């Protein structure tokens, strides 16, 4: 698991003043869960190969959502 969060100046590309990248990788390096807000995509989520928009509601909620997804991945059948 890799979690990176940076406080940045508010701008058109970082309207919330934060950049982030949270990722859970499989032992073989496959991204299982990921959240990031790189430009030009903005806030989005990766979950088991699917990418969707993410409604950013603050760092605490971001981390909670990431942890929830990790729990879901850990509970799935192999």
PDB file of N, CA and C in Angstrom:
ATOM      1  N   UNK A   1       0.850  -1.158   0.000  1.00  0.00           N
ATOM      2  CA  UNK A   1       0.000   0.000   0.000  1.00  0.00           C
ATOM      3  C   UNK A   1       0.907   1.236   0.000  1.00  0.00           C
ATOM      4  N   UNK A   2       0.558   2.183  -0.853  1.00  0.00           N
ATOM      5  CA  UNK A   2       1.304   3.433  -0.939  1.00  0.00           C
ATOM      6  C   UNK A   2       0.307   4.577  -0.810  1.00  0.00           C
ATOM      7  N   UNK A   3       0.572   5.497   0.099  1.00  0.00           N
ATOM      8  CA  UNK A   3      -0.298   6.660   0.299  1.00  0.00           C
ATOM      9  C   UNK A   3       0.565   7.907   0.237  1.00  0.00           C
ATOM     10  N   UNK A   4       0.218   8.801  -0.697  1.00  0.00           N
ATOM     11  CA  UNK A   4       0.921  10.076  -0.838  1.00  0.00           C
ATOM     12  C   UNK A   4      -0.120  11.186  -0.904  1.00  0.00           C
ATOM     13  N   UNK A   5       0.050  12.197  -0.069  1.00  0.00           N
ATOM     14  CA  UNK A   5      -0.848  13.354  -0.057  1.00  0.00           C
ATOM     15  C   UNK A   5       0.020  14.596   0.062  1.00  0.00           C
ATOM     16  N   UNK A   6      -0.206  15.563  -0.830  1.00  0.00           N
ATOM     17  CA  UNK A   6       0.550  16.805  -0.823  1.00  0.00           C
ATOM     18  C   UNK A   6      -0.392  17.987  -0.703  1.00  0.00           C
ATOM     19  N   UNK A   7      -0.053  18.934   0.154  1.00  0.00           N
ATOM     20  CA  UNK A   7      -0.764  20.202   0.185  1.00  0.00           C
ATOM     21  C   UNK A   7      -0.130  21.076  -0.890  1.00  0.00           C
ATOM     22  N   UNK A   8      -0.966  21.603  -1.779  1.00  0.00           N
ATOM     23  CA  UNK A   8      -0.484  22.417  -2.892  1.00  0.00           C
ATOM     24  C   UNK A   8      -1.316  23.691  -2.953  1.00  0.00           C
ATOM     25  N   UNK A   9      -0.824  24.709  -3.637  1.00  0.00           N
ATOM     26  CA  UNK A   9      -1.630  25.915  -3.783  1.00  0.00           C
ATOM     27  C   UNK A   9      -2.916  25.613  -4.558  1.00  0.00           C
ATOM     28  N   UNK A  10      -3.981  26.250  -4.166  1.00  0.00           N
ATOM     29  CA  UNK A  10      -5.241  26.125  -4.900  1.00  0.00           C
ATOM     30  C   UNK A  10      -5.021  26.679  -6.303  1.00  0.00           C
ATOM     31  N   UNK A  11      -5.465  25.914  -7.293  1.00  0.00           N
ATOM     32  CA  UNK A  11      -5.292  26.313  -8.693  1.00  0.00           C
ATOM     33  C   UNK A  11      -6.391  25.667  -9.526  1.00  0.00           C
ATOM     34  N   UNK A  12      -6.391  25.947 -10.800  1.00  0.00           N
ATOM     35  CA  UNK A  12      -7.375  25.342 -11.697  1.00  0.00           C
ATOM     36  C   UNK A  12      -7.206  23.825 -11.747  1.00  0.00           C
ATOM     37  N   UNK A  13      -5.984  23.339 -11.616  1.00  0.00           N
ATOM     38  CA  UNK A  13      -5.745  21.900 -11.673  1.00  0.00           C
ATOM     39  C   UNK A  13      -5.825  21.223 -10.302  1.00  0.00           C
ATOM     40  N   UNK A  14      -5.785  22.001  -9.224  1.00  0.00           N
ATOM     41  CA  UNK A  14      -5.912  21.477  -7.856  1.00  0.00           C
ATOM     42  C   UNK A  14      -6.846  22.385  -7.059  1.00  0.00           C
ATOM     43  N   UNK A  15      -8.143  22.368  -7.383  1.00  0.00           N
ATOM     44  CA  UNK A  15      -9.078  23.311  -6.763  1.00  0.00           C
ATOM     45  C   UNK A  15      -9.275  23.119  -5.263  1.00  0.00           C
ATOM     46  N   UNK A  16      -8.904  21.959  -4.717  1.00  0.00           N
ATOM     47  CA  UNK A  16      -9.039  21.727  -3.277  1.00  0.00           C
ATOM     48  C   UNK A  16      -7.727  21.946  -2.525  1.00  0.00           C
ATOM     49  N   UNK A  17      -6.666  22.313  -3.247  1.00  0.00           N
ATOM     50  CA  UNK A  17      -5.380  22.560  -2.595  1.00  0.00           C
ATOM     51  C   UNK A  17      -4.692  21.303  -2.115  1.00  0.00           C
ATOM     52  N   UNK A  18      -5.011  20.185  -2.750  1.00  0.00           N
ATOM     53  CA  UNK A  18      -4.394  18.912  -2.362  1.00  0.00           C
ATOM     54  C   UNK A  18      -4.210  18.056  -3.605  1.00  0.00           C
ATOM     55  N   UNK A  19      -3.098  17.355  -3.660  1.00  0.00           N
ATOM     56  CA  UNK A  19      -2.862  16.318  -4.660  1.00  0.00           C
ATOM     57  C   UNK A  19      -2.665  15.028  -3.884  1.00  0.00           C
ATOM     58  N   UNK A  20      -3.119  13.921  -4.465  1.00  0.00           N
ATOM     59  CA  UNK A  20      -3.003  12.660  -3.737  1.00  0.00           C
ATOM     60  C   UNK A  20      -2.918  11.476  -4.686  1.00  0.00           C
ATOM     61  N   UNK A  21      -2.335  10.417  -4.144  1.00  0.00           N
ATOM     62  CA  UNK A  21      -2.260   9.134  -4.835  1.00  0.00           C
ATOM     63  C   UNK A  21      -2.245   8.060  -3.754  1.00  0.00           C
ATOM     64  N   UNK A  22      -3.273   7.229  -3.752  1.00  0.00           N
ATOM     65  CA  UNK A  22      -3.376   6.121  -2.811  1.00  0.00           C
ATOM     66  C   UNK A  22      -3.525   4.856  -3.643  1.00  0.00           C
ATOM     67  N   UNK A  23      -2.744   3.835  -3.362  1.00  0.00           N
ATOM     68  CA  UNK A  23      -2.807   2.631  -4.185  1.00  0.00           C
ATOM     69  C   UNK A  23      -2.524   1.379  -3.360  1.00  0.00           C
ATOM     70  N   UNK A  24      -3.284   0.333  -3.662  1.00  0.00           N
ATOM     71  CA  UNK A  24      -3.034  -0.997  -3.129  1.00  0.00           C
ATOM     72  C   UNK A  24      -2.685  -1.878  -4.309  1.00  0.00           C
ATOM     73  N   UNK A  25      -1.505  -2.480  -4.256  1.00  0.00           N
ATOM     74  CA  UNK A  25      -1.032  -3.351  -5.333  1.00  0.00           C
ATOM     75  C   UNK A  25      -1.078  -4.803  -4.895  1.00  0.00           C
ATOM     76  N   UNK A  26      -1.294  -5.692  -5.860  1.00  0.00           N
ATOM     77  CA  UNK A  26      -1.213  -7.128  -5.583  1.00  0.00           C
ATOM     78  C   UNK A  26       0.264  -7.507  -5.450  1.00  0.00           C
ATOM     79  N   UNK A  27       0.552  -8.708  -4.977  1.00  0.00           N
ATOM     80  CA  UNK A  27       1.945  -9.148  -4.901  1.00  0.00           C
ATOM     81  C   UNK A  27       2.661  -9.130  -6.259  1.00  0.00           C
ATOM     82  N   UNK A  28       1.903  -9.212  -7.354  1.00  0.00           N
ATOM     83  CA  UNK A  28       2.512  -9.191  -8.686  1.00  0.00           C
ATOM     84  C   UNK A  28       2.570  -7.786  -9.284  1.00  0.00           C
ATOM     85  N   UNK A  29       2.125  -6.769  -8.525  1.00  0.00           N
ATOM     86  CA  UNK A  29       2.208  -5.387  -8.986  1.00  0.00           C
ATOM     87  C   UNK A  29       0.964  -4.861  -9.664  1.00  0.00           C
ATOM     88  N   UNK A  30      -0.096  -5.654  -9.721  1.00  0.00           N
ATOM     89  CA  UNK A  30      -1.366  -5.201 -10.315  1.00  0.00           C
ATOM     90  C   UNK A  30      -2.059  -4.231  -9.363  1.00  0.00           C
ATOM     91  N   UNK A  31      -2.555  -3.104  -9.902  1.00  0.00           N
ATOM     92  CA  UNK A  31      -3.291  -2.151  -9.066  1.00  0.00           C
ATOM     93  C   UNK A  31      -4.670  -2.725  -8.772  1.00  0.00           C
ATOM     94  N   UNK A  32      -4.955  -2.949  -7.497  1.00  0.00           N
ATOM     95  CA  UNK A  32      -6.251  -3.466  -7.075  1.00  0.00           C
ATOM     96  C   UNK A  32      -7.192  -2.332  -6.707  1.00  0.00           C
ATOM     97  N   UNK A  33      -6.664  -1.351  -5.987  1.00  0.00           N
ATOM     98  CA  UNK A  33      -7.437  -0.181  -5.554  1.00  0.00           C
ATOM     99  C   UNK A  33      -6.548   1.034  -5.728  1.00  0.00           C
ATOM    100  N   UNK A  34      -7.113   2.122  -6.216  1.00  0.00           N
ATOM    101  CA  UNK A  34      -6.352   3.356  -6.336  1.00  0.00           C
ATOM    102  C   UNK A  34      -7.257   4.570  -6.363  1.00  0.00           C
ATOM    103  N   UNK A  35      -6.803   5.626  -5.754  1.00  0.00           N
ATOM    104  CA  UNK A  35      -7.486   6.923  -5.794  1.00  0.00           C
ATOM    105  C   UNK A  35      -6.431   7.960  -6.146  1.00  0.00           C
ATOM    106  N   UNK A  36      -6.731   8.829  -7.101  1.00  0.00           N
ATOM    107  CA  UNK A  36      -5.811   9.924  -7.395  1.00  0.00           C
ATOM    108  C   UNK A  36      -6.568  11.051  -8.080  1.00  0.00           C
ATOM    109  N   UNK A  37      -5.877  12.181  -8.195  1.00  0.00           N
ATOM    110  CA  UNK A  37      -6.513  13.355  -8.795  1.00  0.00           C
ATOM    111  C   UNK A  37      -5.580  14.067  -9.767  1.00  0.00           C
ATOM    112  N   UNK A  38      -4.826  13.285 -10.521  1.00  0.00           N
ATOM    113  CA  UNK A  38      -3.900  13.922 -11.453  1.00  0.00           C
ATOM    114  C   UNK A  38      -4.666  14.644 -12.563  1.00  0.00           C
ATOM    115  N   UNK A  39      -4.059  15.706 -13.031  1.00  0.00           N
ATOM    116  CA  UNK A  39      -4.641  16.490 -14.106  1.00  0.00           C
ATOM    117  C   UNK A  39      -4.351  15.802 -15.426  1.00  0.00           C
ATOM    118  N   UNK A  40      -5.231  15.686 -16.381  1.00  0.00           N
ATOM    119  CA  UNK A  40      -6.512  16.389 -16.508  1.00  0.00           C
ATOM    120  C   UNK A  40      -7.717  15.594 -16.032  1.00  0.00           C
ATOM    121  N   UNK A  41      -7.528  14.377 -15.513  1.00  0.00           N
ATOM    122  CA  UNK A  41      -8.678  13.552 -15.118  1.00  0.00           C
ATOM    123  C   UNK A  41      -9.403  14.067 -13.881  1.00  0.00           C
ATOM    124  N   UNK A  42      -8.677  14.688 -12.970  1.00  0.00           N
ATOM    125  CA  UNK A  42      -9.302  15.095 -11.713  1.00  0.00           C
ATOM    126  C   UNK A  42      -9.486  13.900 -10.779  1.00  0.00           C
ATOM    127  N   UNK A  43     -10.376  14.048  -9.811  1.00  0.00           N
ATOM    128  CA  UNK A  43     -10.604  13.008  -8.805  1.00  0.00           C
ATOM    129  C   UNK A  43     -11.201  11.767  -9.457  1.00  0.00           C
ATOM    130  N   UNK A  44     -10.543  10.620  -9.239  1.00  0.00           N
ATOM    131  CA  UNK A  44     -11.078   9.370  -9.765  1.00  0.00           C
ATOM    132  C   UNK A  44     -10.559   8.177  -8.964  1.00  0.00           C
ATOM    133  N   UNK A  45     -11.250   7.065  -9.167  1.00  0.00           N
ATOM    134  CA  UNK A  45     -11.010   5.839  -8.396  1.00  0.00           C
ATOM    135  C   UNK A  45     -10.777   4.679  -9.351  1.00  0.00           C
ATOM    136  N   UNK A  46      -9.829   3.831  -8.979  1.00  0.00           N
ATOM    137  CA  UNK A  46      -9.565   2.581  -9.693  1.00  0.00           C
ATOM    138  C   UNK A  46      -9.951   1.453  -8.736  1.00  0.00           C
ATOM    139  N   UNK A  47     -10.761   0.515  -9.222  1.00  0.00           N
ATOM    140  CA  UNK A  47     -11.173  -0.595  -8.366  1.00  0.00           C
ATOM    141  C   UNK A  47     -11.270  -1.858  -9.206  1.00  0.00           C
ATOM    142  N   UNK A  48     -10.353  -2.792  -8.959  1.00  0.00           N
ATOM    143  CA  UNK A  48     -10.329  -4.079  -9.647  1.00  0.00           C
ATOM    144  C   UNK A  48     -10.459  -3.927 -11.160  1.00  0.00           C
ATOM    145  N   UNK A  49      -9.669  -3.033 -11.710  1.00  0.00           N
ATOM    146  CA  UNK A  49      -9.603  -2.860 -13.156  1.00  0.00           C
ATOM    147  C   UNK A  49     -10.555  -1.840 -13.747  1.00  0.00           C
ATOM    148  N   UNK A  50     -11.509  -1.347 -12.980  1.00  0.00           N
ATOM    149  CA  UNK A  50     -12.460  -0.346 -13.475  1.00  0.00           C
ATOM    150  C   UNK A  50     -12.077   1.032 -12.944  1.00  0.00           C
ATOM    151  N   UNK A  51     -12.251   2.047 -13.772  1.00  0.00           N
ATOM    152  CA  UNK A  51     -11.980   3.430 -13.369  1.00  0.00           C
ATOM    153  C   UNK A  51     -13.277   4.224 -13.410  1.00  0.00           C
ATOM    154  N   UNK A  52     -13.551   4.953 -12.305  1.00  0.00           N
ATOM    155  CA  UNK A  52     -14.753   5.769 -12.223  1.00  0.00           C
ATOM    156  C   UNK A  52     -14.413   7.123 -11.612  1.00  0.00           C
ATOM    157  N   UNK A  53     -15.286   8.096 -11.834  1.00  0.00           N
ATOM    158  CA  UNK A  53     -15.121   9.407 -11.196  1.00  0.00           C
ATOM    159  C   UNK A  53     -15.285   9.227  -9.686  1.00  0.00           C
ATOM    160  N   UNK A  54     -14.639  10.106  -8.925  1.00  0.00           N
ATOM    161  CA  UNK A  54     -14.730  10.064  -7.467  1.00  0.00           C
ATOM    162  C   UNK A  54     -15.134  11.437  -6.961  1.00  0.00           C
ATOM    163  N   UNK A  55     -16.120  11.479  -6.097  1.00  0.00           N
ATOM    164  CA  UNK A  55     -16.570  12.748  -5.504  1.00  0.00           C
ATOM    165  C   UNK A  55     -15.746  13.020  -4.244  1.00  0.00           C
ATOM    166  N   UNK A  56     -14.762  13.882  -4.387  1.00  0.00           N
ATOM    167  CA  UNK A  56     -13.860  14.213  -3.278  1.00  0.00           C
ATOM    168  C   UNK A  56     -14.607  15.013  -2.214  1.00  0.00           C
ATOM    169  N   UNK A  57     -14.509  14.550  -0.949  1.00  0.00           N
ATOM    170  CA  UNK A  57     -15.177  15.217   0.169  1.00  0.00           C
ATOM    171  C   UNK A  57     -14.235  15.476   1.337  1.00  0.00           C
ATOM    172  N   UNK A  58     -12.935  15.532   1.054  1.00  0.00           N
ATOM    173  CA  UNK A  58     -11.949  15.789   2.093  1.00  0.00           C
ATOM    174  C   UNK A  58     -11.046  14.588   2.314  1.00  0.00           C
ATOM    175  N   UNK A  59      -9.906  14.859   2.936  1.00  0.00           N
ATOM    176  CA  UNK A  59      -8.887  13.831   3.151  1.00  0.00           C
ATOM    177  C   UNK A  59      -9.400  12.690   4.026  1.00  0.00           C
ATOM    178  N   UNK A  60     -10.102  13.013   5.115  1.00  0.00           N
ATOM    179  CA  UNK A  60     -10.571  11.974   6.016  1.00  0.00           C
ATOM    180  C   UNK A  60     -11.498  11.004   5.285  1.00  0.00           C
ATOM    181  N   UNK A  61     -12.417  11.534   4.486  1.00  0.00           N
ATOM    182  CA  UNK A  61     -13.349  10.684   3.735  1.00  0.00           C
ATOM    183  C   UNK A  61     -12.602   9.884   2.668  1.00  0.00           C
ATOM    184  N   UNK A  62     -11.626  10.509   2.016  1.00  0.00           N
ATOM    185  CA  UNK A  62     -10.820   9.831   1.007  1.00  0.00           C
ATOM    186  C   UNK A  62     -10.145   8.600   1.614  1.00  0.00           C
ATOM    187  N   UNK A  63      -9.507   8.768   2.751  1.00  0.00           N
ATOM    188  CA  UNK A  63      -8.811   7.663   3.405  1.00  0.00           C
ATOM    189  C   UNK A  63      -9.803   6.591   3.859  1.00  0.00           C
ATOM    190  N   UNK A  64     -10.955   7.008   4.385  1.00  0.00           N
ATOM    191  CA  UNK A  64     -11.978   6.037   4.797  1.00  0.00           C
ATOM    192  C   UNK A  64     -12.488   5.234   3.605  1.00  0.00           C
ATOM    193  N   UNK A  65     -12.731   5.888   2.475  1.00  0.00           N
ATOM    194  CA  UNK A  65     -13.197   5.185   1.272  1.00  0.00           C
ATOM    195  C   UNK A  65     -12.133   4.209   0.774  1.00  0.00           C
ATOM    196  N   UNK A  66     -10.880   4.631   0.804  1.00  0.00           N
ATOM    197  CA  UNK A  66      -9.768   3.770   0.398  1.00  0.00           C
ATOM    198  C   UNK A  66      -9.710   2.534   1.300  1.00  0.00           C
ATOM    199  N   UNK A  67      -9.814   2.725   2.601  1.00  0.00           N
ATOM    200  CA  UNK A  67      -9.772   1.612   3.542  1.00  0.00           C
ATOM    201  C   UNK A  67     -10.955   0.662   3.348  1.00  0.00           C
ATOM    202  N   UNK A  68     -12.131   1.224   3.056  1.00  0.00           N
ATOM    203  CA  UNK A  68     -13.306   0.386   2.786  1.00  0.00           C
ATOM    204  C   UNK A  68     -13.063  -0.492   1.571  1.00  0.00           C
ATOM    205  N   UNK A  69     -12.517   0.102   0.512  1.00  0.00           N
ATOM    206  CA  UNK A  69     -12.220  -0.677  -0.693  1.00  0.00           C
ATOM    207  C   UNK A  69     -11.178  -1.760  -0.426  1.00  0.00           C
ATOM    208  N   UNK A  70     -10.175  -1.462   0.377  1.00  0.00           N
ATOM    209  CA  UNK A  70      -9.169  -2.467   0.734  1.00  0.00           C
ATOM    210  C   UNK A  70      -9.845  -3.635   1.448  1.00  0.00           C
ATOM    211  N   UNK A  71     -10.735  -3.332   2.389  1.00  0.00           N
ATOM    212  CA  UNK A  71     -11.467  -4.384   3.096  1.00  0.00           C
ATOM    213  C   UNK A  71     -12.281  -5.240   2.147  1.00  0.00           C
ATOM    214  N   UNK A  72     -12.923  -4.618   1.165  1.00  0.00           N
ATOM    215  CA  UNK A  72     -13.710  -5.355   0.176  1.00  0.00           C
ATOM    216  C   UNK A  72     -12.817  -6.290  -0.632  1.00  0.00           C
ATOM    217  N   UNK A  73     -11.657  -5.802  -1.041  1.00  0.00           N
ATOM    218  CA  UNK A  73     -10.732  -6.628  -1.824  1.00  0.00           C
ATOM    219  C   UNK A  73     -10.228  -7.794  -0.977  1.00  0.00           C
ATOM    220  N   UNK A  74      -9.920  -7.553   0.268  1.00  0.00           N
ATOM    221  CA  UNK A  74      -9.402  -8.619   1.132  1.00  0.00           C
ATOM    222  C   UNK A  74     -10.454  -9.701   1.397  1.00  0.00           C
ATOM    223  N   UNK A  75     -11.727  -9.327   1.390  1.00  0.00           N
ATOM    224  CA  UNK A  75     -12.804 -10.292   1.670  1.00  0.00           C
ATOM    225  C   UNK A  75     -13.272 -11.050   0.439  1.00  0.00           C
ATOM    226  N   UNK A  76     -12.845 -10.647  -0.742  1.00  0.00           N
ATOM    227  CA  UNK A  76     -13.353 -11.311  -1.952  1.00  0.00           C
ATOM    228  C   UNK A  76     -12.759 -12.698  -2.084  1.00  0.00           C
ATOM    229  N   UNK A  77     -13.540 -13.608  -2.675  1.00  0.00           N
ATOM    230  CA  UNK A  77     -13.016 -14.958  -2.884  1.00  0.00           C
ATOM    231  C   UNK A  77     -11.867 -14.951  -3.883  1.00  0.00           C
ATOM    232  N   UNK A  78     -10.945 -15.832  -3.693  1.00  0.00           N
ATOM    233  CA  UNK A  78      -9.775 -15.918  -4.584  1.00  0.00           C
ATOM    234  C   UNK A  78     -10.080 -16.774  -5.784  1.00  0.00           C
TER     235      UNK A  78
END
